[in-house]
Amino acid sequence: MNGERDRVAARVAREILPHEGLVRNWLRRQWGSVIDIDDVIQEAYCRIASLPSLDHIDNVRSYFFRTVQAVATDNLRRAKVESIRRVTEIDWLNVIDEEPSADRALEASQELERVTSLLSRLTWTCRRVIELRRIEGLSQKDTARLLGISESVVENHIVRGLKSVLNAVQEPEPRTTEAKVTPLGKRQSSNSKWRR
């Protein structure tokens, strides 16, 4: 457990601490003298440091800003301060969230489903070799040992499997057939009458 604590502390020092000045300025602009900025920053560090792990956080900077906002809001509620200034969308533009937009996330999810489907068409050994090498990051030697095959077989499966998947990904997806719709008032063909 101490190892994980050390990893959390190291990540906080490396990825959060450099942004403390930005957060302090942001707090000062948002709430001025209504809150104790040092207390808010300290509480945010405590909340983040108390997490069992930071592995689930992709953008630590944005997470830090959100935690600071939550702490400040909690402090204001506890103090029963009436003048909580709402953070507008324009204010949030200064906090860059590097998360993908919803449409990009959906597109990536659909592409992942397609690649997963393509991988499922490969032989079990070929699919497993790709999973171990490319997804789990095992070495060629470890993959061969784990599957009980030679390293040259691992290499051949990687080359053939990835080539197969990449070729299939580059092919356009089959489109569903759409019913041909003719707008009202247009002729369908030279022999048909006008539609009403």
C-alpha atoms as a PDB file:
ATOM      1  CA  MET A   1       0.000   0.000   0.000  1.00  0.00           C
ATOM      2  CA  ASN A   2       2.902   2.373   0.705  1.00  0.00           C
ATOM      3  CA  GLY A   3       4.057   1.875  -2.857  1.00  0.00           C
ATOM      4  CA  GLU A   4       0.713   3.148  -4.167  1.00  0.00           C
ATOM      5  CA  ARG A   5       0.816   6.094  -1.707  1.00  0.00           C
ATOM      6  CA  ASP A   6       4.279   6.949  -3.061  1.00  0.00           C
ATOM      7  CA  ARG A   7       2.986   6.732  -6.644  1.00  0.00           C
ATOM      8  CA  VAL A   8       0.058   9.047  -5.810  1.00  0.00           C
ATOM      9  CA  ALA A   9       2.392  11.526  -4.086  1.00  0.00           C
ATOM     10  CA  ALA A  10       4.835  11.458  -6.993  1.00  0.00           C
ATOM     11  CA  ARG A  11       2.067  12.030  -9.533  1.00  0.00           C
ATOM     12  CA  VAL A  12       0.633  14.899  -7.459  1.00  0.00           C
ATOM     13  CA  ALA A  13       4.089  16.502  -7.277  1.00  0.00           C
ATOM     14  CA  ARG A  14       4.745  15.980 -10.973  1.00  0.00           C
ATOM     15  CA  GLU A  15       1.340  16.768 -12.543  1.00  0.00           C
ATOM     16  CA  ILE A  16      -0.628  18.891 -10.050  1.00  0.00           C
ATOM     17  CA  LEU A  17       1.841  21.022  -8.110  1.00  0.00           C
ATOM     18  CA  PRO A  18       3.026  22.929 -11.231  1.00  0.00           C
ATOM     19  CA  HIS A  19      -0.562  24.191 -11.728  1.00  0.00           C
ATOM     20  CA  GLU A  20      -1.020  25.564  -8.205  1.00  0.00           C
ATOM     21  CA  GLY A  21      -0.301  29.147  -9.306  1.00  0.00           C
ATOM     22  CA  LEU A  22      -2.964  28.969 -12.027  1.00  0.00           C
ATOM     23  CA  VAL A  23      -5.465  27.538  -9.547  1.00  0.00           C
ATOM     24  CA  ARG A  24      -4.708  30.248  -6.980  1.00  0.00           C
ATOM     25  CA  ASN A  25      -5.248  32.984  -9.588  1.00  0.00           C
ATOM     26  CA  TRP A  26      -8.462  31.327 -10.746  1.00  0.00           C
ATOM     27  CA  LEU A  27      -9.760  31.101  -7.161  1.00  0.00           C
ATOM     28  CA  ARG A  28      -8.852  34.742  -6.548  1.00  0.00           C
ATOM     29  CA  ARG A  29     -10.781  35.811  -9.678  1.00  0.00           C
ATOM     30  CA  GLN A  30     -13.801  33.647  -8.856  1.00  0.00           C
ATOM     31  CA  TRP A  31     -14.253  34.203  -5.142  1.00  0.00           C
ATOM     32  CA  GLY A  32     -11.801  36.928  -4.184  1.00  0.00           C
ATOM     33  CA  SER A  33     -11.643  37.343  -0.418  1.00  0.00           C
ATOM     34  CA  VAL A  34     -14.789  35.288   0.277  1.00  0.00           C
ATOM     35  CA  ILE A  35     -12.774  32.103   0.817  1.00  0.00           C
ATOM     36  CA  ASP A  36      -9.396  31.254   2.299  1.00  0.00           C
ATOM     37  CA  ILE A  37      -7.447  30.194  -0.804  1.00  0.00           C
ATOM     38  CA  ASP A  38      -4.728  28.404   1.192  1.00  0.00           C
ATOM     39  CA  ASP A  39      -7.347  26.289   2.998  1.00  0.00           C
ATOM     40  CA  VAL A  40      -9.063  25.389  -0.281  1.00  0.00           C
ATOM     41  CA  ILE A  41      -5.787  24.379  -1.937  1.00  0.00           C
ATOM     42  CA  GLN A  42      -4.750  22.333   1.110  1.00  0.00           C
ATOM     43  CA  GLU A  43      -8.116  20.555   1.268  1.00  0.00           C
ATOM     44  CA  ALA A  44      -7.951  19.779  -2.477  1.00  0.00           C
ATOM     45  CA  TYR A  45      -4.485  18.243  -2.027  1.00  0.00           C
ATOM     46  CA  CYS A  46      -5.797  16.179   0.905  1.00  0.00           C
ATOM     47  CA  ARG A  47      -8.760  14.899  -1.108  1.00  0.00           C
ATOM     48  CA  ILE A  48      -6.591  13.930  -4.064  1.00  0.00           C
ATOM     49  CA  ALA A  49      -3.870  12.399  -1.878  1.00  0.00           C
ATOM     50  CA  SER A  50      -6.481  10.309  -0.033  1.00  0.00           C
ATOM     51  CA  LEU A  51      -7.500   8.555  -3.248  1.00  0.00           C
ATOM     52  CA  PRO A  52      -6.287   4.948  -3.371  1.00  0.00           C
ATOM     53  CA  SER A  53      -4.929   5.534  -6.872  1.00  0.00           C
ATOM     54  CA  LEU A  54      -4.860   8.189  -9.607  1.00  0.00           C
ATOM     55  CA  ASP A  55      -4.835   5.666 -12.457  1.00  0.00           C
ATOM     56  CA  HIS A  56      -8.493   6.347 -13.299  1.00  0.00           C
ATOM     57  CA  ILE A  57      -7.745  10.062 -13.921  1.00  0.00           C
ATOM     58  CA  ASP A  58      -6.725  10.890 -17.489  1.00  0.00           C
ATOM     59  CA  ASN A  59      -6.386  14.666 -17.128  1.00  0.00           C
ATOM     60  CA  VAL A  60      -5.002  15.402 -13.667  1.00  0.00           C
ATOM     61  CA  ARG A  61      -4.947  19.176 -14.248  1.00  0.00           C
ATOM     62  CA  SER A  62      -8.686  19.318 -14.958  1.00  0.00           C
ATOM     63  CA  TYR A  63      -9.332  16.985 -12.032  1.00  0.00           C
ATOM     64  CA  PHE A  64      -7.386  19.355  -9.769  1.00  0.00           C
ATOM     65  CA  PHE A  65      -9.439  22.344 -10.943  1.00  0.00           C
ATOM     66  CA  ARG A  66     -12.693  20.459 -10.397  1.00  0.00           C
ATOM     67  CA  THR A  67     -11.612  19.302  -6.936  1.00  0.00           C
ATOM     68  CA  VAL A  68     -10.661  22.869  -5.979  1.00  0.00           C
ATOM     69  CA  GLN A  69     -14.046  24.109  -7.183  1.00  0.00           C
ATOM     70  CA  ALA A  70     -15.823  21.408  -5.150  1.00  0.00           C
ATOM     71  CA  VAL A  71     -13.816  22.276  -2.021  1.00  0.00           C
ATOM     72  CA  ALA A  72     -14.494  26.003  -2.442  1.00  0.00           C
ATOM     73  CA  THR A  73     -18.211  25.356  -2.945  1.00  0.00           C
ATOM     74  CA  ASP A  74     -18.334  23.070   0.103  1.00  0.00           C
ATOM     75  CA  ASN A  75     -16.550  25.705   2.225  1.00  0.00           C
ATOM     76  CA  LEU A  76     -18.962  28.393   1.081  1.00  0.00           C
ATOM     77  CA  ARG A  77     -21.963  26.214   1.868  1.00  0.00           C
ATOM     78  CA  ARG A  78     -20.612  25.432   5.311  1.00  0.00           C
ATOM     79  CA  ALA A  79     -20.010  29.122   5.974  1.00  0.00           C
ATOM     80  CA  LYS A  80     -23.528  29.855   4.706  1.00  0.00           C
ATOM     81  CA  VAL A  81     -22.199  32.547   2.415  1.00  0.00           C
ATOM     82  CA  GLU A  82     -24.979  33.909   0.247  1.00  0.00           C
ATOM     83  CA  SER A  83     -22.894  35.365  -2.538  1.00  0.00           C
ATOM     84  CA  ILE A  84     -21.712  32.261  -4.352  1.00  0.00           C
ATOM     85  CA  ARG A  85     -20.705  33.407  -7.785  1.00  0.00           C
ATOM     86  CA  ARG A  86     -21.702  30.904 -10.414  1.00  0.00           C
ATOM     87  CA  VAL A  87     -19.007  29.799 -12.813  1.00  0.00           C
ATOM     88  CA  THR A  88     -20.198  30.583 -16.302  1.00  0.00           C
ATOM     89  CA  GLU A  89     -19.217  28.807 -19.483  1.00  0.00           C
ATOM     90  CA  ILE A  90     -16.880  31.676 -20.335  1.00  0.00           C
ATOM     91  CA  ASP A  91     -15.109  31.244 -16.997  1.00  0.00           C
ATOM     92  CA  TRP A  92     -14.651  27.550 -17.714  1.00  0.00           C
ATOM     93  CA  LEU A  93     -12.937  28.319 -21.015  1.00  0.00           C
ATOM     94  CA  ASN A  94      -9.841  29.154 -18.957  1.00  0.00           C
ATOM     95  CA  VAL A  95      -9.844  25.596 -17.607  1.00  0.00           C
ATOM     96  CA  ILE A  96      -8.904  23.443 -20.548  1.00  0.00           C
ATOM     97  CA  ASP A  97     -10.550  20.048 -20.464  1.00  0.00           C
ATOM     98  CA  GLU A  98      -8.664  17.769 -22.772  1.00  0.00           C
ATOM     99  CA  GLU A  99     -11.335  15.078 -22.694  1.00  0.00           C
ATOM    100  CA  PRO A 100     -12.711  14.192 -26.130  1.00  0.00           C
ATOM    101  CA  SER A 101     -16.064  15.611 -27.099  1.00  0.00           C
ATOM    102  CA  ALA A 102     -19.115  13.334 -26.974  1.00  0.00           C
ATOM    103  CA  ASP A 103     -19.169  12.815 -30.738  1.00  0.00           C
ATOM    104  CA  ARG A 104     -15.460  11.960 -30.802  1.00  0.00           C
ATOM    105  CA  ALA A 105     -15.941   9.524 -27.915  1.00  0.00           C
ATOM    106  CA  LEU A 106     -18.865   7.878 -29.727  1.00  0.00           C
ATOM    107  CA  GLU A 107     -16.847   7.672 -32.940  1.00  0.00           C
ATOM    108  CA  ALA A 108     -13.904   6.115 -31.071  1.00  0.00           C
ATOM    109  CA  SER A 109     -16.239   3.659 -29.341  1.00  0.00           C
ATOM    110  CA  GLN A 110     -17.729   2.606 -32.684  1.00  0.00           C
ATOM    111  CA  GLU A 111     -14.252   2.221 -34.183  1.00  0.00           C
ATOM    112  CA  LEU A 112     -13.177   0.120 -31.179  1.00  0.00           C
ATOM    113  CA  GLU A 113     -16.233  -2.112 -31.651  1.00  0.00           C
ATOM    114  CA  ARG A 114     -15.326  -2.506 -35.319  1.00  0.00           C
ATOM    115  CA  VAL A 115     -11.705  -3.412 -34.541  1.00  0.00           C
ATOM    116  CA  THR A 116     -12.865  -5.822 -31.816  1.00  0.00           C
ATOM    117  CA  SER A 117     -15.187  -7.435 -34.334  1.00  0.00           C
ATOM    118  CA  LEU A 118     -12.340  -7.710 -36.835  1.00  0.00           C
ATOM    119  CA  LEU A 119     -10.058  -9.229 -34.196  1.00  0.00           C
ATOM    120  CA  SER A 120     -12.716 -11.808 -33.369  1.00  0.00           C
ATOM    121  CA  ARG A 121     -12.496 -13.084 -36.959  1.00  0.00           C
ATOM    122  CA  LEU A 122      -8.819 -14.002 -36.502  1.00  0.00           C
ATOM    123  CA  THR A 123      -7.708 -17.376 -35.217  1.00  0.00           C
ATOM    124  CA  TRP A 124      -7.511 -17.658 -31.441  1.00  0.00           C
ATOM    125  CA  THR A 125      -3.701 -17.752 -31.437  1.00  0.00           C
ATOM    126  CA  CYS A 126      -3.370 -14.778 -33.779  1.00  0.00           C
ATOM    127  CA  ARG A 127      -5.893 -12.713 -31.781  1.00  0.00           C
ATOM    128  CA  ARG A 128      -4.231 -13.650 -28.484  1.00  0.00           C
ATOM    129  CA  VAL A 129      -0.772 -12.732 -29.819  1.00  0.00           C
ATOM    130  CA  ILE A 130      -2.043  -9.277 -30.857  1.00  0.00           C
ATOM    131  CA  GLU A 131      -3.776  -8.762 -27.496  1.00  0.00           C
ATOM    132  CA  LEU A 132      -0.687  -9.744 -25.508  1.00  0.00           C
ATOM    133  CA  ARG A 133       1.780  -7.754 -27.628  1.00  0.00           C
ATOM    134  CA  ARG A 134      -0.182  -4.628 -28.566  1.00  0.00           C
ATOM    135  CA  ILE A 135      -2.720  -4.243 -25.782  1.00  0.00           C
ATOM    136  CA  GLU A 136      -1.029  -5.744 -22.729  1.00  0.00           C
ATOM    137  CA  GLY A 137       2.478  -4.719 -23.861  1.00  0.00           C
ATOM    138  CA  LEU A 138       4.241  -8.043 -23.359  1.00  0.00           C
ATOM    139  CA  SER A 139       7.531  -8.649 -25.137  1.00  0.00           C
ATOM    140  CA  GLN A 140       7.733 -11.063 -28.048  1.00  0.00           C
ATOM    141  CA  LYS A 141       9.687 -13.479 -25.863  1.00  0.00           C
ATOM    142  CA  ASP A 142       7.136 -13.367 -23.007  1.00  0.00           C
ATOM    143  CA  THR A 143       4.233 -13.776 -25.437  1.00  0.00           C
ATOM    144  CA  ALA A 144       5.872 -16.825 -27.007  1.00  0.00           C
ATOM    145  CA  ARG A 145       6.572 -18.352 -23.584  1.00  0.00           C
ATOM    146  CA  LEU A 146       3.037 -17.683 -22.337  1.00  0.00           C
ATOM    147  CA  LEU A 147       1.376 -19.224 -25.417  1.00  0.00           C
ATOM    148  CA  GLY A 148       3.905 -22.057 -25.770  1.00  0.00           C
ATOM    149  CA  ILE A 149       4.949 -21.091 -29.299  1.00  0.00           C
ATOM    150  CA  SER A 150       8.189 -19.890 -30.853  1.00  0.00           C
ATOM    151  CA  GLU A 151       9.084 -16.205 -31.179  1.00  0.00           C
ATOM    152  CA  SER A 152       9.038 -16.489 -34.981  1.00  0.00           C
ATOM    153  CA  VAL A 153       5.429 -17.744 -34.820  1.00  0.00           C
ATOM    154  CA  VAL A 154       4.552 -14.741 -32.624  1.00  0.00           C
ATOM    155  CA  GLU A 155       6.162 -12.421 -35.166  1.00  0.00           C
ATOM    156  CA  ASN A 156       4.310 -14.066 -38.067  1.00  0.00           C
ATOM    157  CA  HIS A 157       0.960 -13.825 -36.259  1.00  0.00           C
ATOM    158  CA  ILE A 158       1.551 -10.155 -35.454  1.00  0.00           C
ATOM    159  CA  VAL A 159       2.416  -9.301 -39.061  1.00  0.00           C
ATOM    160  CA  ARG A 160      -0.424 -11.273 -40.647  1.00  0.00           C
ATOM    161  CA  GLY A 161      -3.017 -10.361 -38.018  1.00  0.00           C
ATOM    162  CA  LEU A 162      -2.313  -6.633 -38.002  1.00  0.00           C
ATOM    163  CA  LYS A 163      -2.154  -6.546 -41.791  1.00  0.00           C
ATOM    164  CA  SER A 164      -5.531  -8.272 -41.962  1.00  0.00           C
ATOM    165  CA  VAL A 165      -7.117  -5.916 -39.420  1.00  0.00           C
ATOM    166  CA  LEU A 166      -5.614  -2.773 -40.994  1.00  0.00           C
ATOM    167  CA  ASN A 167      -6.800  -3.793 -44.470  1.00  0.00           C
ATOM    168  CA  ALA A 168     -10.300  -4.440 -43.155  1.00  0.00           C
ATOM    169  CA  VAL A 169     -10.353  -1.105 -41.271  1.00  0.00           C
ATOM    170  CA  GLN A 170      -9.426   0.770 -44.441  1.00  0.00           C
ATOM    171  CA  GLU A 171     -12.305  -0.781 -46.363  1.00  0.00           C
ATOM    172  CA  PRO A 172     -15.454   1.304 -46.261  1.00  0.00           C
ATOM    173  CA  GLU A 173     -18.134  -0.055 -43.966  1.00  0.00           C
ATOM    174  CA  PRO A 174     -21.080  -1.606 -45.781  1.00  0.00           C
ATOM    175  CA  ARG A 175     -23.919   0.877 -45.814  1.00  0.00           C
ATOM    176  CA  THR A 176     -27.467  -0.030 -45.139  1.00  0.00           C
ATOM    177  CA  THR A 177     -29.730   0.209 -48.141  1.00  0.00           C
ATOM    178  CA  GLU A 178     -31.803   3.319 -48.022  1.00  0.00           C
ATOM    179  CA  ALA A 179     -35.264   3.546 -49.472  1.00  0.00           C
ATOM    180  CA  LYS A 180     -35.373   5.877 -52.431  1.00  0.00           C
ATOM    181  CA  VAL A 181     -37.590   8.790 -51.509  1.00  0.00           C
ATOM    182  CA  THR A 182     -39.049  10.979 -54.202  1.00  0.00           C
ATOM    183  CA  PRO A 183     -40.091  14.447 -53.059  1.00  0.00           C
ATOM    184  CA  LEU A 184     -43.730  15.340 -53.645  1.00  0.00           C
ATOM    185  CA  GLY A 185     -44.387  17.256 -56.835  1.00  0.00           C
ATOM    186  CA  LYS A 186     -41.469  15.689 -58.712  1.00  0.00           C
ATOM    187  CA  ARG A 187     -41.742  13.245 -61.528  1.00  0.00           C
ATOM    188  CA  GLN A 188     -40.605   9.712 -60.757  1.00  0.00           C
ATOM    189  CA  SER A 189     -39.845   8.911 -64.363  1.00  0.00           C
ATOM    190  CA  SER A 190     -40.681  10.237 -67.774  1.00  0.00           C
ATOM    191  CA  ASN A 191     -43.728   7.921 -67.999  1.00  0.00           C
ATOM    192  CA  SER A 192     -45.249   8.678 -64.601  1.00  0.00           C
ATOM    193  CA  LYS A 193     -47.686  11.419 -63.784  1.00  0.00           C
ATOM    194  CA  TRP A 194     -47.116  14.227 -61.360  1.00  0.00           C
ATOM    195  CA  ARG A 195     -47.647  13.217 -57.749  1.00  0.00           C
ATOM    196  CA  ARG A 196     -49.745  15.323 -55.417  1.00  0.00           C
END
